Amino acid sequence: MRTLKRIALALVIIGAINWGLIGLFQFDLVAAIFGGQAAGLSRFVYTLVGLAGLVSIAYFFDQDVVEDQEDSVYRNTDFATEFAEEPDVDRLYNPSLEVYENEDEEEF
């Protein structure tokens, strides 16, 4: 399923680039490569791009869930740090600072 998503995404990107070139420069890259819009290979590429767009519609409505457990791919992860307490980053990188703080407290 992951491979199908990548192929569909690649074809949709190809189609988007081709439409961008048509819109900006009136240049059809697929037709230029494969011998015109009516050529069999051009029509095949247009058909593949269209099918990839239809397949991508299903991915558009996918729920935000964990896809593959082994890859640990998460979407819409909320770390809740905007209104929560920030971690003390210095202690994360240098735990020896606690030793100095404990010594200061014992002196008083």
C-alpha atoms as a PDB file:
ATOM      1  CA  MET A   1       0.000   0.000   0.000  1.00  0.00           C
ATOM      2  CA  ARG A   2       2.879   2.330   0.747  1.00  0.00           C
ATOM      3  CA  THR A   3       4.381   1.725  -2.705  1.00  0.00           C
ATOM      4  CA  LEU A   4       1.040   2.520  -4.358  1.00  0.00           C
ATOM      5  CA  LYS A   5       0.913   5.827  -2.478  1.00  0.00           C
ATOM      6  CA  ARG A   6       4.408   6.744  -3.624  1.00  0.00           C
ATOM      7  CA  ILE A   7       3.699   5.867  -7.258  1.00  0.00           C
ATOM      8  CA  ALA A   8       0.436   7.810  -7.172  1.00  0.00           C
ATOM      9  CA  LEU A   9       2.178  10.782  -5.587  1.00  0.00           C
ATOM     10  CA  ALA A  10       4.949  10.725  -8.214  1.00  0.00           C
ATOM     11  CA  LEU A  11       2.418  10.644 -11.045  1.00  0.00           C
ATOM     12  CA  VAL A  12       0.344  13.433  -9.504  1.00  0.00           C
ATOM     13  CA  ILE A  13       3.513  15.536  -9.188  1.00  0.00           C
ATOM     14  CA  ILE A  14       4.346  14.863 -12.853  1.00  0.00           C
ATOM     15  CA  GLY A  15       0.834  15.933 -13.808  1.00  0.00           C
ATOM     16  CA  ALA A  16       1.033  19.056 -11.674  1.00  0.00           C
ATOM     17  CA  ILE A  17       4.352  20.070 -13.206  1.00  0.00           C
ATOM     18  CA  ASN A  18       2.973  19.461 -16.696  1.00  0.00           C
ATOM     19  CA  TRP A  19      -0.117  21.575 -15.972  1.00  0.00           C
ATOM     20  CA  GLY A  20       2.073  24.308 -14.489  1.00  0.00           C
ATOM     21  CA  LEU A  21       4.151  24.378 -17.668  1.00  0.00           C
ATOM     22  CA  ILE A  22       1.000  24.504 -19.778  1.00  0.00           C
ATOM     23  CA  GLY A  23      -0.411  27.358 -17.693  1.00  0.00           C
ATOM     24  CA  LEU A  24       2.750  29.428 -17.548  1.00  0.00           C
ATOM     25  CA  PHE A  25       4.430  28.771 -20.875  1.00  0.00           C
ATOM     26  CA  GLN A  26       1.843  26.984 -23.047  1.00  0.00           C
ATOM     27  CA  PHE A  27       4.286  24.066 -23.227  1.00  0.00           C
ATOM     28  CA  ASP A  28       3.064  20.484 -22.831  1.00  0.00           C
ATOM     29  CA  LEU A  29       6.106  18.525 -21.615  1.00  0.00           C
ATOM     30  CA  VAL A  30       4.447  15.105 -21.920  1.00  0.00           C
ATOM     31  CA  ALA A  31       3.395  15.817 -25.491  1.00  0.00           C
ATOM     32  CA  ALA A  32       6.869  17.117 -26.327  1.00  0.00           C
ATOM     33  CA  ILE A  33       8.552  13.994 -24.957  1.00  0.00           C
ATOM     34  CA  PHE A  34       6.186  11.402 -26.405  1.00  0.00           C
ATOM     35  CA  GLY A  35       5.307  12.912 -29.784  1.00  0.00           C
ATOM     36  CA  GLY A  36       2.215  15.075 -29.384  1.00  0.00           C
ATOM     37  CA  GLN A  37      -1.008  14.965 -27.429  1.00  0.00           C
ATOM     38  CA  ALA A  38      -2.618  12.396 -29.717  1.00  0.00           C
ATOM     39  CA  ALA A  39       0.316   9.955 -29.546  1.00  0.00           C
ATOM     40  CA  GLY A  40      -0.359   6.660 -27.819  1.00  0.00           C
ATOM     41  CA  LEU A  41       2.351   7.078 -25.200  1.00  0.00           C
ATOM     42  CA  SER A  42       1.167  10.574 -24.333  1.00  0.00           C
ATOM     43  CA  ARG A  43      -2.386   9.365 -23.883  1.00  0.00           C
ATOM     44  CA  PHE A  44      -1.093   6.494 -21.725  1.00  0.00           C
ATOM     45  CA  VAL A  45       0.803   8.937 -19.467  1.00  0.00           C
ATOM     46  CA  TYR A  46      -2.254  11.219 -19.253  1.00  0.00           C
ATOM     47  CA  THR A  47      -4.371   8.191 -18.290  1.00  0.00           C
ATOM     48  CA  LEU A  48      -1.883   7.118 -15.599  1.00  0.00           C
ATOM     49  CA  VAL A  49      -1.797  10.634 -14.148  1.00  0.00           C
ATOM     50  CA  GLY A  50      -5.592  10.746 -14.114  1.00  0.00           C
ATOM     51  CA  LEU A  51      -5.812   7.369 -12.359  1.00  0.00           C
ATOM     52  CA  ALA A  52      -3.202   8.507  -9.847  1.00  0.00           C
ATOM     53  CA  GLY A  53      -5.346  11.553  -9.124  1.00  0.00           C
ATOM     54  CA  LEU A  54      -8.364   9.327  -8.501  1.00  0.00           C
ATOM     55  CA  VAL A  55      -6.340   7.067  -6.198  1.00  0.00           C
ATOM     56  CA  SER A  56      -5.060  10.145  -4.344  1.00  0.00           C
ATOM     57  CA  ILE A  57      -8.627  11.212  -3.574  1.00  0.00           C
ATOM     58  CA  ALA A  58      -8.908   8.175  -1.292  1.00  0.00           C
ATOM     59  CA  TYR A  59      -5.708   9.212   0.523  1.00  0.00           C
ATOM     60  CA  PHE A  60      -7.087  12.704   0.976  1.00  0.00           C
ATOM     61  CA  PHE A  61      -9.897  11.327   3.143  1.00  0.00           C
ATOM     62  CA  ASP A  62      -7.661   8.953   5.157  1.00  0.00           C
ATOM     63  CA  GLN A  63      -8.004   9.238   8.908  1.00  0.00           C
ATOM     64  CA  ASP A  64      -5.012  10.482  10.846  1.00  0.00           C
ATOM     65  CA  VAL A  65      -3.815   7.238  12.390  1.00  0.00           C
ATOM     66  CA  VAL A  66      -0.593   5.340  12.768  1.00  0.00           C
ATOM     67  CA  GLU A  67       0.184   3.804   9.368  1.00  0.00           C
ATOM     68  CA  ASP A  68       3.022   1.376  10.001  1.00  0.00           C
ATOM     69  CA  GLN A  69       3.956   0.320  13.500  1.00  0.00           C
ATOM     70  CA  GLU A  70       7.483  -0.627  12.475  1.00  0.00           C
ATOM     71  CA  ASP A  71       8.181   2.743  10.859  1.00  0.00           C
ATOM     72  CA  SER A  72       6.597   4.745  13.686  1.00  0.00           C
ATOM     73  CA  VAL A  73       4.982   7.202  11.276  1.00  0.00           C
ATOM     74  CA  TYR A  74       2.618   9.497  13.158  1.00  0.00           C
ATOM     75  CA  ARG A  75       0.497  12.278  11.801  1.00  0.00           C
ATOM     76  CA  ASN A  76      -0.912  15.261  13.718  1.00  0.00           C
ATOM     77  CA  THR A  77       1.297  14.659  16.702  1.00  0.00           C
ATOM     78  CA  ASP A  78       0.430  17.092  19.483  1.00  0.00           C
ATOM     79  CA  PHE A  79       3.313  17.682  21.848  1.00  0.00           C
ATOM     80  CA  ALA A  80       1.256  20.187  23.878  1.00  0.00           C
ATOM     81  CA  THR A  81       4.123  22.578  24.571  1.00  0.00           C
ATOM     82  CA  GLU A  82       2.401  25.816  23.645  1.00  0.00           C
ATOM     83  CA  PHE A  83       0.541  26.170  26.959  1.00  0.00           C
ATOM     84  CA  ALA A  84       2.336  23.507  28.962  1.00  0.00           C
ATOM     85  CA  GLU A  85       5.426  23.693  31.094  1.00  0.00           C
ATOM     86  CA  GLU A  86       8.625  23.833  29.115  1.00  0.00           C
ATOM     87  CA  PRO A  87      11.277  21.225  29.929  1.00  0.00           C
ATOM     88  CA  ASP A  88      14.599  22.371  31.372  1.00  0.00           C
ATOM     89  CA  VAL A  89      16.805  21.858  28.348  1.00  0.00           C
ATOM     90  CA  ASP A  90      20.051  22.467  30.227  1.00  0.00           C
ATOM     91  CA  ARG A  91      19.435  19.428  32.408  1.00  0.00           C
ATOM     92  CA  LEU A  92      18.649  17.289  29.430  1.00  0.00           C
ATOM     93  CA  TYR A  93      22.047  17.948  27.897  1.00  0.00           C
ATOM     94  CA  ASN A  94      24.100  18.373  31.079  1.00  0.00           C
ATOM     95  CA  PRO A  95      22.761  16.414  34.049  1.00  0.00           C
ATOM     96  CA  SER A  96      25.875  17.338  36.058  1.00  0.00           C
ATOM     97  CA  LEU A  97      24.311  20.755  36.730  1.00  0.00           C
ATOM     98  CA  GLU A  98      22.177  19.101  39.398  1.00  0.00           C
ATOM     99  CA  VAL A  99      25.340  18.326  41.376  1.00  0.00           C
ATOM    100  CA  TYR A 100      26.230  22.023  41.543  1.00  0.00           C
ATOM    101  CA  GLU A 101      22.699  22.984  42.529  1.00  0.00           C
ATOM    102  CA  ASN A 102      22.655  20.402  45.330  1.00  0.00           C
ATOM    103  CA  GLU A 103      25.998  21.672  46.683  1.00  0.00           C
ATOM    104  CA  ASP A 104      24.677  25.256  46.760  1.00  0.00           C
ATOM    105  CA  GLU A 105      21.590  24.216  48.739  1.00  0.00           C
ATOM    106  CA  GLU A 106      23.661  22.359  51.350  1.00  0.00           C
ATOM    107  CA  GLU A 107      25.823  25.391  52.081  1.00  0.00           C
ATOM    108  CA  PHE A 108      22.907  27.513  53.243  1.00  0.00           C
END
